[in-house]
Amino acid sequence: MNWSIDEYYQQITTLWNPSSPKINKHCKEITTELQNLCFQVFKFPSDNYHKYGIADCCGCACGPFPQVSYKIMRIFALITLYLSIVDDACDCLKDVDETIRKELITHIQLVEKFEGQEEYFSRTHNPSIRLGLYVMDELFNSCSFFTQFQIRTLQFEMVKYFKTSLEMATYWADGSQISVEKCDQWRRIDSLGSIYMEMAKLQFDFVTTLEIEKFQRISNECFFLINDLASFPKELRDGTLVNHAICLQNETKQSTEQSFLMTIARLYDFLMELERMETCQVRNSIKEAMKGFGVWCLNSKRYKHPEHLISELKVEQISEKSSAPVNKINYLQILKANNKL
C-alpha cells in the first residue's frame, strides 16, 4: 500500500475518532485531588511543569477507562502518576553517576516489598518516594473493590515497569546500541501498555484463551507504536533513544520520513488485524483501553510540535504544557538531594 504518512493517519483516525474522545467522568475531580496531594503532602515543586504533568497523567489514565467507578479510576490514576513521574527522570538523562539507577532500585524495593507506609513516610523528603508509599498503601487498602489477586497483579506490573526502566537506564549509561527488537521489548512495558491491559481485564471473571492472549499481544504493539509516533519529534528534541521509529532509523540507516512511514504502516496493519478478530467482553475492554490511550496520545499538547511529520499534530510553537529537559534536570537535582529514605 503506497499511502503517505497523512493518509495512514486518516485511516487510523477513522477507526478512533480522536475529535470526540471518551473520558472518565471523574477525571477533573481526581486531577484536582492529585495535584493537591503532590504539592501539599508529597512536596513536589509547585510549578506549571508539575501542574500540567499531573493533569496529563490523569488524562492519560482516564481516557482508556471511561466507564470505571471513581474508586477504581483513582487507583489507576495514582499508579499512572507514580510510574510516569519516576520514569520522566529516566527519559532523557544519561545516568553517568548511577543516581537514577539507585532511585529506580529504591522504587523496585518499595513496590516489591511493601508492607506499610508509616515507618518511612515521615522520614523521607523525597517526593517520589512519598508518592510511591502513598500509592502502595492505597492499593493494598483497596480490598473492597479489588481481590488480592488483582492487587498483586497490579503490584507485579509496577515492579516490571520499574525493572524495565532500570534496564533501559543501564543500557543508555553504558552507551550500548539499542536494537529495534530490544526497543520494542521495553516499549511493550514502558509505554504503559502492559499494565493498562491488565487494568482493562480486572472487571471480568474469565478464562484466558489463546485468542485472548493473541488479541492482547497485538493490542500491546498498538499501545506503544501510537505513543512512539505521537511523541517522535518530542523525543528527538529530548534525546530519547527508546522509540521504535528512532531505533528503526538508526538500525536501517533510512531517512527519518521513511522510518516514520514504516512505523505508522506497522501500526495500521496491527489495527486491521484486530478489526478482523472476533470480540468478547474482555477483548472489547482491552480494545477500548488501547483506543482511549491512542486518542489521548493524539490529543495531548505534550506531543504537538512545529515539525511533526503528521500534519494534524503540527503547531506553530511548542506548548508550555509539553515536557522540557530543563524540568527533568531539576528533578534529577531533587533525586541527588533526597536519594536516601
C-alpha atoms as a PDB file:
ATOM      1  CA  MET A   1       0.000   0.000   0.000  1.00  0.00           C
ATOM      2  CA  ASN A   2       1.617   3.240  -1.175  1.00  0.00           C
ATOM      3  CA  TRP A   3      -0.011   5.636   1.267  1.00  0.00           C
ATOM      4  CA  SER A   4       1.620   8.732   2.672  1.00  0.00           C
ATOM      5  CA  ILE A   5       2.057   9.343   6.407  1.00  0.00           C
ATOM      6  CA  ASP A   6      -1.032  11.572   6.493  1.00  0.00           C
ATOM      7  CA  GLU A   7      -3.104   9.037   4.538  1.00  0.00           C
ATOM      8  CA  TYR A   8      -2.265   6.342   7.077  1.00  0.00           C
ATOM      9  CA  TYR A   9      -3.131   8.787   9.845  1.00  0.00           C
ATOM     10  CA  GLN A  10      -6.544   9.492   8.307  1.00  0.00           C
ATOM     11  CA  GLN A  11      -7.284   5.764   8.138  1.00  0.00           C
ATOM     12  CA  ILE A  12      -6.328   5.350  11.796  1.00  0.00           C
ATOM     13  CA  THR A  13      -8.423   8.314  12.938  1.00  0.00           C
ATOM     14  CA  THR A  14     -11.407   6.875  11.047  1.00  0.00           C
ATOM     15  CA  LEU A  15     -11.223   3.957  13.489  1.00  0.00           C
ATOM     16  CA  TRP A  16     -10.551   6.054  16.606  1.00  0.00           C
ATOM     17  CA  ASN A  17     -12.294   9.415  16.001  1.00  0.00           C
ATOM     18  CA  PRO A  18      -9.937  11.425  18.261  1.00  0.00           C
ATOM     19  CA  SER A  19     -12.045  14.573  17.786  1.00  0.00           C
ATOM     20  CA  SER A  20     -14.704  13.046  20.075  1.00  0.00           C
ATOM     21  CA  PRO A  21     -12.748  11.397  22.907  1.00  0.00           C
ATOM     22  CA  LYS A  22     -14.418   9.449  25.702  1.00  0.00           C
ATOM     23  CA  ILE A  23     -13.052  10.203  29.142  1.00  0.00           C
ATOM     24  CA  ASN A  24     -13.956   9.070  32.628  1.00  0.00           C
ATOM     25  CA  LYS A  25     -16.424  11.492  34.242  1.00  0.00           C
ATOM     26  CA  HIS A  26     -14.315  11.628  37.435  1.00  0.00           C
ATOM     27  CA  CYS A  27     -11.195  12.916  35.643  1.00  0.00           C
ATOM     28  CA  LYS A  28     -11.430  16.565  36.733  1.00  0.00           C
ATOM     29  CA  GLU A  29     -12.131  15.671  40.370  1.00  0.00           C
ATOM     30  CA  ILE A  30      -9.255  13.184  40.509  1.00  0.00           C
ATOM     31  CA  THR A  31      -6.874  15.617  38.792  1.00  0.00           C
ATOM     32  CA  THR A  32      -7.562  18.326  41.373  1.00  0.00           C
ATOM     33  CA  GLU A  33      -7.151  15.866  44.235  1.00  0.00           C
ATOM     34  CA  LEU A  34      -3.821  14.510  42.948  1.00  0.00           C
ATOM     35  CA  GLN A  35      -2.455  17.996  42.305  1.00  0.00           C
ATOM     36  CA  ASN A  36      -3.278  18.950  45.896  1.00  0.00           C
ATOM     37  CA  LEU A  37      -1.664  15.763  47.223  1.00  0.00           C
ATOM     38  CA  CYS A  38       1.510  16.257  45.164  1.00  0.00           C
ATOM     39  CA  PHE A  39       2.006  19.894  46.153  1.00  0.00           C
ATOM     40  CA  GLN A  40       0.742  19.910  49.745  1.00  0.00           C
ATOM     41  CA  VAL A  41       1.560  16.412  51.037  1.00  0.00           C
ATOM     42  CA  PHE A  42       4.367  14.988  48.879  1.00  0.00           C
ATOM     43  CA  LYS A  43       6.025  18.410  48.369  1.00  0.00           C
ATOM     44  CA  PHE A  44       6.692  18.315  44.646  1.00  0.00           C
ATOM     45  CA  PRO A  45       7.761  21.691  43.214  1.00  0.00           C
ATOM     46  CA  SER A  46       4.628  23.783  42.732  1.00  0.00           C
ATOM     47  CA  ASP A  47       5.301  24.868  39.151  1.00  0.00           C
ATOM     48  CA  ASN A  48       3.499  24.659  35.820  1.00  0.00           C
ATOM     49  CA  TYR A  49       5.575  21.680  34.683  1.00  0.00           C
ATOM     50  CA  HIS A  50       4.271  19.532  37.550  1.00  0.00           C
ATOM     51  CA  LYS A  51       0.776  21.047  37.464  1.00  0.00           C
ATOM     52  CA  TYR A  52       0.326  20.283  33.768  1.00  0.00           C
ATOM     53  CA  GLY A  53       2.174  16.963  34.082  1.00  0.00           C
ATOM     54  CA  ILE A  54      -0.196  15.709  36.784  1.00  0.00           C
ATOM     55  CA  ALA A  55      -3.196  16.767  34.690  1.00  0.00           C
ATOM     56  CA  ASP A  56      -1.695  14.992  31.665  1.00  0.00           C
ATOM     57  CA  CYS A  57      -1.162  11.776  33.649  1.00  0.00           C
ATOM     58  CA  CYS A  58      -4.778  11.856  34.839  1.00  0.00           C
ATOM     59  CA  GLY A  59      -5.988  12.406  31.286  1.00  0.00           C
ATOM     60  CA  CYS A  60      -3.786   9.543  30.112  1.00  0.00           C
ATOM     61  CA  ALA A  61      -5.359   7.216  32.708  1.00  0.00           C
ATOM     62  CA  CYS A  62      -8.971   8.397  32.351  1.00  0.00           C
ATOM     63  CA  GLY A  63      -9.129   8.048  28.542  1.00  0.00           C
ATOM     64  CA  PRO A  64      -8.646   4.261  28.418  1.00  0.00           C
ATOM     65  CA  PHE A  65     -11.155   3.599  31.223  1.00  0.00           C
ATOM     66  CA  PRO A  66     -14.210   5.820  30.664  1.00  0.00           C
ATOM     67  CA  GLN A  67     -16.683   3.504  32.413  1.00  0.00           C
ATOM     68  CA  VAL A  68     -14.974   2.535  35.691  1.00  0.00           C
ATOM     69  CA  SER A  69     -16.038   3.830  39.104  1.00  0.00           C
ATOM     70  CA  TYR A  70     -14.420   6.713  40.968  1.00  0.00           C
ATOM     71  CA  LYS A  71     -12.590   4.401  43.397  1.00  0.00           C
ATOM     72  CA  ILE A  72     -11.080   2.257  40.660  1.00  0.00           C
ATOM     73  CA  MET A  73     -10.279   5.251  38.437  1.00  0.00           C
ATOM     74  CA  ARG A  74      -8.498   6.964  41.319  1.00  0.00           C
ATOM     75  CA  ILE A  75      -6.220   3.925  41.852  1.00  0.00           C
ATOM     76  CA  PHE A  76      -5.479   3.717  38.119  1.00  0.00           C
ATOM     77  CA  ALA A  77      -4.635   7.443  38.017  1.00  0.00           C
ATOM     78  CA  LEU A  78      -2.412   7.202  41.114  1.00  0.00           C
ATOM     79  CA  ILE A  79      -0.462   4.307  39.606  1.00  0.00           C
ATOM     80  CA  THR A  80      -0.106   6.132  36.270  1.00  0.00           C
ATOM     81  CA  LEU A  81       1.137   9.267  38.022  1.00  0.00           C
ATOM     82  CA  TYR A  82       3.653   7.368  40.146  1.00  0.00           C
ATOM     83  CA  LEU A  83       5.104   5.374  37.254  1.00  0.00           C
ATOM     84  CA  SER A  84       5.228   8.423  34.984  1.00  0.00           C
ATOM     85  CA  ILE A  85       6.896  10.776  37.469  1.00  0.00           C
ATOM     86  CA  VAL A  86       9.699   8.321  38.193  1.00  0.00           C
ATOM     87  CA  ASP A  87      10.051   7.380  34.517  1.00  0.00           C
ATOM     88  CA  ASP A  88      10.227  11.028  33.438  1.00  0.00           C
ATOM     89  CA  ALA A  89      13.593  11.422  35.129  1.00  0.00           C
ATOM     90  CA  CYS A  90      14.982   8.489  33.132  1.00  0.00           C
ATOM     91  CA  ASP A  91      13.772   9.512  29.689  1.00  0.00           C
ATOM     92  CA  CYS A  92      16.488  11.877  28.540  1.00  0.00           C
ATOM     93  CA  LEU A  93      19.227  11.956  31.157  1.00  0.00           C
ATOM     94  CA  LYS A  94      22.283   9.750  30.798  1.00  0.00           C
ATOM     95  CA  ASP A  95      22.788   8.219  34.240  1.00  0.00           C
ATOM     96  CA  VAL A  96      26.572   8.676  34.416  1.00  0.00           C
ATOM     97  CA  ASP A  97      26.805   8.594  38.235  1.00  0.00           C
ATOM     98  CA  GLU A  98      24.093   5.941  38.849  1.00  0.00           C
ATOM     99  CA  THR A  99      21.801   8.402  40.643  1.00  0.00           C
ATOM    100  CA  ILE A 100      18.786   7.405  38.558  1.00  0.00           C
ATOM    101  CA  ARG A 101      19.525   3.683  38.844  1.00  0.00           C
ATOM    102  CA  LYS A 102      19.819   3.926  42.615  1.00  0.00           C
ATOM    103  CA  GLU A 103      16.484   5.733  42.666  1.00  0.00           C
ATOM    104  CA  LEU A 104      14.881   3.057  40.489  1.00  0.00           C
ATOM    105  CA  ILE A 105      16.190   0.280  42.731  1.00  0.00           C
ATOM    106  CA  THR A 106      14.628   2.089  45.698  1.00  0.00           C
ATOM    107  CA  HIS A 107      11.265   2.164  43.900  1.00  0.00           C
ATOM    108  CA  ILE A 108      11.540  -1.501  42.905  1.00  0.00           C
ATOM    109  CA  GLN A 109      12.152  -2.431  46.529  1.00  0.00           C
ATOM    110  CA  LEU A 110       9.390  -0.115  47.744  1.00  0.00           C
ATOM    111  CA  VAL A 111       6.773  -1.706  45.451  1.00  0.00           C
ATOM    112  CA  GLU A 112       8.026  -5.299  45.623  1.00  0.00           C
ATOM    113  CA  LYS A 113       8.383  -5.477  49.409  1.00  0.00           C
ATOM    114  CA  PHE A 114       5.728  -3.021  50.522  1.00  0.00           C
ATOM    115  CA  GLU A 115       4.298  -3.715  53.964  1.00  0.00           C
ATOM    116  CA  GLY A 116       3.089  -0.283  55.071  1.00  0.00           C
ATOM    117  CA  GLN A 117       3.956   3.402  54.686  1.00  0.00           C
ATOM    118  CA  GLU A 118       4.103   4.676  58.275  1.00  0.00           C
ATOM    119  CA  GLU A 119       7.653   3.552  59.004  1.00  0.00           C
ATOM    120  CA  TYR A 120       9.242   5.583  56.200  1.00  0.00           C
ATOM    121  CA  PHE A 121       6.815   8.323  55.188  1.00  0.00           C
ATOM    122  CA  SER A 122       7.750  10.754  57.959  1.00  0.00           C
ATOM    123  CA  ARG A 123      11.494  10.168  57.459  1.00  0.00           C
ATOM    124  CA  THR A 124      11.850  10.759  53.728  1.00  0.00           C
ATOM    125  CA  HIS A 125      11.911  14.128  51.976  1.00  0.00           C
ATOM    126  CA  ASN A 126      11.962  12.574  48.500  1.00  0.00           C
ATOM    127  CA  PRO A 127       8.585  13.471  46.937  1.00  0.00           C
ATOM    128  CA  SER A 128       8.552  10.497  44.576  1.00  0.00           C
ATOM    129  CA  ILE A 129       9.164   8.082  47.484  1.00  0.00           C
ATOM    130  CA  ARG A 130       6.363   9.760  49.443  1.00  0.00           C
ATOM    131  CA  LEU A 131       4.095   9.364  46.430  1.00  0.00           C
ATOM    132  CA  GLY A 132       5.089   5.717  45.984  1.00  0.00           C
ATOM    133  CA  LEU A 133       4.405   4.868  49.628  1.00  0.00           C
ATOM    134  CA  TYR A 134       1.006   6.528  49.398  1.00  0.00           C
ATOM    135  CA  VAL A 135       0.106   4.732  46.140  1.00  0.00           C
ATOM    136  CA  MET A 136       1.036   1.322  47.538  1.00  0.00           C
ATOM    137  CA  ASP A 137      -0.875   1.985  50.768  1.00  0.00           C
ATOM    138  CA  GLU A 138      -3.969   2.970  48.790  1.00  0.00           C
ATOM    139  CA  LEU A 139      -3.622  -0.098  46.544  1.00  0.00           C
ATOM    140  CA  PHE A 140      -3.221  -2.503  49.463  1.00  0.00           C
ATOM    141  CA  ASN A 141      -6.291  -0.960  51.133  1.00  0.00           C
ATOM    142  CA  SER A 142      -8.491  -1.370  48.051  1.00  0.00           C
ATOM    143  CA  CYS A 143      -9.809  -4.796  49.068  1.00  0.00           C
ATOM    144  CA  SER A 144     -13.402  -3.556  48.958  1.00  0.00           C
ATOM    145  CA  PHE A 145     -13.284  -3.388  45.151  1.00  0.00           C
ATOM    146  CA  PHE A 146     -10.185  -5.422  44.160  1.00  0.00           C
ATOM    147  CA  THR A 147      -9.379  -9.035  45.001  1.00  0.00           C
ATOM    148  CA  GLN A 148      -5.997  -9.918  46.477  1.00  0.00           C
ATOM    149  CA  PHE A 149      -5.066 -11.476  43.132  1.00  0.00           C
ATOM    150  CA  GLN A 150      -5.911  -8.233  41.304  1.00  0.00           C
ATOM    151  CA  ILE A 151      -3.908  -6.168  43.791  1.00  0.00           C
ATOM    152  CA  ARG A 152      -0.918  -8.483  43.371  1.00  0.00           C
ATOM    153  CA  THR A 153      -1.289  -8.306  39.575  1.00  0.00           C
ATOM    154  CA  LEU A 154      -1.031  -4.501  39.630  1.00  0.00           C
ATOM    155  CA  GLN A 155       1.887  -4.708  42.068  1.00  0.00           C
ATOM    156  CA  PHE A 156       3.682  -7.162  39.748  1.00  0.00           C
ATOM    157  CA  GLU A 157       3.122  -4.878  36.735  1.00  0.00           C
ATOM    158  CA  MET A 158       4.542  -1.887  38.622  1.00  0.00           C
ATOM    159  CA  VAL A 159       7.674  -3.822  39.576  1.00  0.00           C
ATOM    160  CA  LYS A 160       8.032  -4.968  35.960  1.00  0.00           C
ATOM    161  CA  TYR A 161       7.745  -1.358  34.794  1.00  0.00           C
ATOM    162  CA  PHE A 162      10.494  -0.100  37.105  1.00  0.00           C
ATOM    163  CA  LYS A 163      12.779  -3.055  36.313  1.00  0.00           C
ATOM    164  CA  THR A 164      12.388  -2.221  32.624  1.00  0.00           C
ATOM    165  CA  SER A 165      13.284   1.416  33.353  1.00  0.00           C
ATOM    166  CA  LEU A 166      16.356   0.199  35.249  1.00  0.00           C
ATOM    167  CA  GLU A 167      17.492  -1.939  32.318  1.00  0.00           C
ATOM    168  CA  MET A 168      16.963   0.983  29.939  1.00  0.00           C
ATOM    169  CA  ALA A 169      18.973   3.338  32.153  1.00  0.00           C
ATOM    170  CA  THR A 170      21.824   0.794  32.317  1.00  0.00           C
ATOM    171  CA  TYR A 171      21.919   0.370  28.532  1.00  0.00           C
ATOM    172  CA  TRP A 172      21.999   4.103  27.976  1.00  0.00           C
ATOM    173  CA  ALA A 173      24.685   4.725  30.592  1.00  0.00           C
ATOM    174  CA  ASP A 174      26.871   2.013  29.049  1.00  0.00           C
ATOM    175  CA  GLY A 175      26.434   3.523  25.583  1.00  0.00           C
ATOM    176  CA  SER A 176      25.066   0.224  24.232  1.00  0.00           C
ATOM    177  CA  GLN A 177      23.414   0.216  20.813  1.00  0.00           C
ATOM    178  CA  ILE A 178      19.651  -0.316  21.150  1.00  0.00           C
ATOM    179  CA  SER A 179      18.204  -2.625  18.509  1.00  0.00           C
ATOM    180  CA  VAL A 180      14.624  -2.367  17.274  1.00  0.00           C
ATOM    181  CA  GLU A 181      13.908  -5.738  18.896  1.00  0.00           C
ATOM    182  CA  LYS A 182      15.206  -4.590  22.287  1.00  0.00           C
ATOM    183  CA  CYS A 183      13.409  -1.247  21.970  1.00  0.00           C
ATOM    184  CA  ASP A 184      10.071  -2.956  21.266  1.00  0.00           C
ATOM    185  CA  GLN A 185      10.603  -5.351  24.174  1.00  0.00           C
ATOM    186  CA  TRP A 186      10.978  -2.383  26.524  1.00  0.00           C
ATOM    187  CA  ARG A 187       8.207  -0.302  24.988  1.00  0.00           C
ATOM    188  CA  ARG A 188       5.591  -3.031  25.481  1.00  0.00           C
ATOM    189  CA  ILE A 189       6.030  -2.310  29.180  1.00  0.00           C
ATOM    190  CA  ASP A 190       7.410   1.245  29.297  1.00  0.00           C
ATOM    191  CA  SER A 191       4.505   2.634  27.216  1.00  0.00           C
ATOM    192  CA  LEU A 192       2.054   1.611  29.998  1.00  0.00           C
ATOM    193  CA  GLY A 193       0.518  -0.852  27.525  1.00  0.00           C
ATOM    194  CA  SER A 194       1.192  -3.927  29.657  1.00  0.00           C
ATOM    195  CA  ILE A 195      -0.286  -2.562  32.890  1.00  0.00           C
ATOM    196  CA  TYR A 196      -3.214  -0.840  31.128  1.00  0.00           C
ATOM    197  CA  MET A 197      -4.288  -4.104  29.522  1.00  0.00           C
ATOM    198  CA  GLU A 198      -4.194  -5.807  32.926  1.00  0.00           C
ATOM    199  CA  MET A 199      -6.315  -2.942  34.276  1.00  0.00           C
ATOM    200  CA  ALA A 200      -8.749  -3.440  31.385  1.00  0.00           C
ATOM    201  CA  LYS A 201      -9.207  -7.112  32.327  1.00  0.00           C
ATOM    202  CA  LEU A 202      -9.739  -6.575  36.071  1.00  0.00           C
ATOM    203  CA  GLN A 203     -13.505  -6.152  35.890  1.00  0.00           C
ATOM    204  CA  PHE A 204     -14.105  -9.532  34.249  1.00  0.00           C
ATOM    205  CA  ASP A 205     -14.100 -13.086  35.537  1.00  0.00           C
ATOM    206  CA  PHE A 206     -12.883 -15.105  32.559  1.00  0.00           C
ATOM    207  CA  VAL A 207     -10.679 -17.963  31.465  1.00  0.00           C
ATOM    208  CA  THR A 208      -7.663 -16.900  29.395  1.00  0.00           C
ATOM    209  CA  THR A 209      -7.657 -18.417  25.913  1.00  0.00           C
ATOM    210  CA  LEU A 210      -5.119 -18.401  23.095  1.00  0.00           C
ATOM    211  CA  GLU A 211      -7.365 -15.972  21.205  1.00  0.00           C
ATOM    212  CA  ILE A 212      -7.440 -13.513  24.123  1.00  0.00           C
ATOM    213  CA  GLU A 213      -3.662 -13.788  24.532  1.00  0.00           C
ATOM    214  CA  LYS A 214      -3.182 -13.060  20.811  1.00  0.00           C
ATOM    215  CA  PHE A 215      -5.583 -10.105  20.973  1.00  0.00           C
ATOM    216  CA  GLN A 216      -3.737  -8.722  23.982  1.00  0.00           C
ATOM    217  CA  ARG A 217      -0.346  -9.208  22.327  1.00  0.00           C
ATOM    218  CA  ILE A 218      -1.357  -7.330  19.158  1.00  0.00           C
ATOM    219  CA  SER A 219      -3.057  -4.589  21.195  1.00  0.00           C
ATOM    220  CA  ASN A 220       0.158  -4.074  23.146  1.00  0.00           C
ATOM    221  CA  GLU A 221       2.008  -3.432  19.870  1.00  0.00           C
ATOM    222  CA  CYS A 222      -0.576  -0.752  19.049  1.00  0.00           C
ATOM    223  CA  PHE A 223      -0.183   0.837  22.505  1.00  0.00           C
ATOM    224  CA  PHE A 224       3.496   1.598  22.133  1.00  0.00           C
ATOM    225  CA  LEU A 225       3.528   2.288  18.382  1.00  0.00           C
ATOM    226  CA  ILE A 226       0.929   5.077  18.570  1.00  0.00           C
ATOM    227  CA  ASN A 227       2.791   6.584  21.520  1.00  0.00           C
ATOM    228  CA  ASP A 228       6.101   6.400  19.650  1.00  0.00           C
ATOM    229  CA  LEU A 229       4.567   8.057  16.588  1.00  0.00           C
ATOM    230  CA  ALA A 230       2.887  10.851  18.555  1.00  0.00           C
ATOM    231  CA  SER A 231       5.983  11.543  20.689  1.00  0.00           C
ATOM    232  CA  PHE A 232       8.538  11.179  17.865  1.00  0.00           C
ATOM    233  CA  PRO A 233       9.588  14.867  17.422  1.00  0.00           C
ATOM    234  CA  LYS A 234       9.452  15.498  21.180  1.00  0.00           C
ATOM    235  CA  GLU A 235      11.770  12.551  21.794  1.00  0.00           C
ATOM    236  CA  LEU A 236      14.152  13.638  19.056  1.00  0.00           C
ATOM    237  CA  ARG A 237      14.280  17.030  20.794  1.00  0.00           C
ATOM    238  CA  ASP A 238      14.767  15.487  24.259  1.00  0.00           C
ATOM    239  CA  GLY A 239      17.364  12.965  23.083  1.00  0.00           C
ATOM    240  CA  THR A 240      15.244   9.925  23.949  1.00  0.00           C
ATOM    241  CA  LEU A 241      16.549   6.802  22.210  1.00  0.00           C
ATOM    242  CA  VAL A 242      13.862   4.236  23.082  1.00  0.00           C
ATOM    243  CA  ASN A 243      11.354   4.852  20.307  1.00  0.00           C
ATOM    244  CA  HIS A 244      10.529   2.350  17.556  1.00  0.00           C
ATOM    245  CA  ALA A 245      10.874   4.847  14.703  1.00  0.00           C
ATOM    246  CA  ILE A 246      14.130   6.292  16.062  1.00  0.00           C
ATOM    247  CA  CYS A 247      15.684   2.844  16.600  1.00  0.00           C
ATOM    248  CA  LEU A 248      14.467   1.741  13.159  1.00  0.00           C
ATOM    249  CA  GLN A 249      16.187   4.740  11.588  1.00  0.00           C
ATOM    250  CA  ASN A 250      19.420   4.071  13.488  1.00  0.00           C
ATOM    251  CA  GLU A 251      19.396   0.370  12.615  1.00  0.00           C
ATOM    252  CA  THR A 252      18.435   0.608   8.929  1.00  0.00           C
ATOM    253  CA  LYS A 253      20.113   3.979   8.135  1.00  0.00           C
ATOM    254  CA  GLN A 254      16.955   5.076   6.353  1.00  0.00           C
ATOM    255  CA  SER A 255      15.640   8.616   6.325  1.00  0.00           C
ATOM    256  CA  THR A 256      13.579   9.981   9.195  1.00  0.00           C
ATOM    257  CA  GLU A 257      10.487  10.151   6.975  1.00  0.00           C
ATOM    258  CA  GLN A 258      10.872   6.564   5.734  1.00  0.00           C
ATOM    259  CA  SER A 259      11.340   5.165   9.234  1.00  0.00           C
ATOM    260  CA  PHE A 260       8.285   7.080  10.436  1.00  0.00           C
ATOM    261  CA  LEU A 261       6.250   5.886   7.442  1.00  0.00           C
ATOM    262  CA  MET A 262       7.211   2.247   8.109  1.00  0.00           C
ATOM    263  CA  THR A 263       6.217   2.656  11.756  1.00  0.00           C
ATOM    264  CA  ILE A 264       2.772   4.107  11.033  1.00  0.00           C
ATOM    265  CA  ALA A 265       2.196   1.418   8.395  1.00  0.00           C
ATOM    266  CA  ARG A 266       3.070  -1.224  11.004  1.00  0.00           C
ATOM    267  CA  LEU A 267       0.551   0.286  13.436  1.00  0.00           C
ATOM    268  CA  TYR A 268      -2.146   0.319  10.751  1.00  0.00           C
ATOM    269  CA  ASP A 269      -1.535  -3.349   9.901  1.00  0.00           C
ATOM    270  CA  PHE A 270      -1.903  -4.346  13.564  1.00  0.00           C
ATOM    271  CA  LEU A 271      -5.115  -2.317  13.898  1.00  0.00           C
ATOM    272  CA  MET A 272      -6.559  -4.010  10.829  1.00  0.00           C
ATOM    273  CA  GLU A 273      -5.677  -7.412  12.272  1.00  0.00           C
ATOM    274  CA  LEU A 274      -7.554  -6.547  15.472  1.00  0.00           C
ATOM    275  CA  GLU A 275     -10.582  -5.453  13.421  1.00  0.00           C
ATOM    276  CA  ARG A 276     -10.710  -8.880  11.789  1.00  0.00           C
ATOM    277  CA  MET A 277     -10.652 -10.777  15.085  1.00  0.00           C
ATOM    278  CA  GLU A 278     -13.788 -11.851  16.925  1.00  0.00           C
ATOM    279  CA  THR A 279     -14.673  -9.840  20.004  1.00  0.00           C
ATOM    280  CA  CYS A 280     -15.902 -10.610  23.506  1.00  0.00           C
ATOM    281  CA  GLN A 281     -16.277  -8.543  26.690  1.00  0.00           C
ATOM    282  CA  VAL A 282     -12.624  -8.859  27.678  1.00  0.00           C
ATOM    283  CA  ARG A 283     -11.319  -8.094  24.200  1.00  0.00           C
ATOM    284  CA  ASN A 284     -13.682  -5.142  23.876  1.00  0.00           C
ATOM    285  CA  SER A 285     -12.360  -3.762  27.167  1.00  0.00           C
ATOM    286  CA  ILE A 286      -8.750  -4.152  26.011  1.00  0.00           C
ATOM    287  CA  LYS A 287      -9.618  -2.540  22.673  1.00  0.00           C
ATOM    288  CA  GLU A 288     -11.364   0.375  24.403  1.00  0.00           C
ATOM    289  CA  ALA A 289      -8.312   0.923  26.630  1.00  0.00           C
ATOM    290  CA  MET A 290      -5.969   0.848  23.636  1.00  0.00           C
ATOM    291  CA  LYS A 291      -8.195   3.231  21.668  1.00  0.00           C
ATOM    292  CA  GLY A 292      -8.559   5.598  24.645  1.00  0.00           C
ATOM    293  CA  PHE A 293      -4.797   5.662  25.128  1.00  0.00           C
ATOM    294  CA  GLY A 294      -4.253   6.285  21.408  1.00  0.00           C
ATOM    295  CA  VAL A 295      -6.734   9.156  21.364  1.00  0.00           C
ATOM    296  CA  TRP A 296      -5.026  10.697  24.400  1.00  0.00           C
ATOM    297  CA  CYS A 297      -1.659  10.481  22.591  1.00  0.00           C
ATOM    298  CA  LEU A 298      -3.078  12.208  19.507  1.00  0.00           C
ATOM    299  CA  ASN A 299      -4.792  14.960  21.519  1.00  0.00           C
ATOM    300  CA  SER A 300      -2.166  15.609  24.195  1.00  0.00           C
ATOM    301  CA  LYS A 301      -0.472  19.007  23.913  1.00  0.00           C
ATOM    302  CA  ARG A 302       2.813  17.475  25.091  1.00  0.00           C
ATOM    303  CA  TYR A 303       3.193  15.788  21.679  1.00  0.00           C
ATOM    304  CA  LYS A 304       2.237  18.690  19.387  1.00  0.00           C
ATOM    305  CA  HIS A 305       5.285  20.010  17.554  1.00  0.00           C
ATOM    306  CA  PRO A 306       6.092  22.507  14.753  1.00  0.00           C
ATOM    307  CA  GLU A 307       7.999  19.833  12.828  1.00  0.00           C
ATOM    308  CA  HIS A 308       5.696  16.855  13.400  1.00  0.00           C
ATOM    309  CA  LEU A 309       5.550  14.504  10.414  1.00  0.00           C
ATOM    310  CA  ILE A 310       1.785  14.111  10.918  1.00  0.00           C
ATOM    311  CA  SER A 311       0.235  17.316   9.609  1.00  0.00           C
ATOM    312  CA  GLU A 312      -2.636  17.364  12.106  1.00  0.00           C
ATOM    313  CA  LEU A 313      -0.201  17.206  15.030  1.00  0.00           C
ATOM    314  CA  LYS A 314       1.748  20.272  13.915  1.00  0.00           C
ATOM    315  CA  VAL A 315       1.554  23.501  15.887  1.00  0.00           C
ATOM    316  CA  GLU A 316       3.229  26.879  15.429  1.00  0.00           C
ATOM    317  CA  GLN A 317       5.123  26.641  18.718  1.00  0.00           C
ATOM    318  CA  ILE A 318       5.754  24.072  21.443  1.00  0.00           C
ATOM    319  CA  SER A 319       3.199  24.238  24.245  1.00  0.00           C
ATOM    320  CA  GLU A 320       4.164  25.252  27.769  1.00  0.00           C
ATOM    321  CA  LYS A 321       2.390  22.036  28.740  1.00  0.00           C
ATOM    322  CA  SER A 322       4.936  19.821  26.981  1.00  0.00           C
ATOM    323  CA  SER A 323       7.853  18.481  28.992  1.00  0.00           C
ATOM    324  CA  ALA A 324      11.287  20.020  28.596  1.00  0.00           C
ATOM    325  CA  PRO A 325      14.781  18.807  29.525  1.00  0.00           C
ATOM    326  CA  VAL A 326      15.319  21.678  31.966  1.00  0.00           C
ATOM    327  CA  ASN A 327      12.499  20.343  34.147  1.00  0.00           C
ATOM    328  CA  LYS A 328      13.994  16.867  34.119  1.00  0.00           C
ATOM    329  CA  ILE A 329      17.338  18.287  35.177  1.00  0.00           C
ATOM    330  CA  ASN A 330      15.583  19.979  38.091  1.00  0.00           C
ATOM    331  CA  TYR A 331      14.065  16.642  39.009  1.00  0.00           C
ATOM    332  CA  LEU A 332      17.474  14.980  38.878  1.00  0.00           C
ATOM    333  CA  GLN A 333      18.724  17.571  41.346  1.00  0.00           C
ATOM    334  CA  ILE A 334      15.843  16.591  43.642  1.00  0.00           C
ATOM    335  CA  LEU A 335      16.913  12.951  43.388  1.00  0.00           C
ATOM    336  CA  LYS A 336      20.516  13.774  44.280  1.00  0.00           C
ATOM    337  CA  ALA A 337      19.429  15.823  47.266  1.00  0.00           C
ATOM    338  CA  ASN A 338      16.984  13.203  48.563  1.00  0.00           C
ATOM    339  CA  ASN A 339      18.358   9.852  47.437  1.00  0.00           C
ATOM    340  CA  LYS A 340      18.003   8.179  50.809  1.00  0.00           C
ATOM    341  CA  LEU A 341      14.903   7.092  52.703  1.00  0.00           C
END
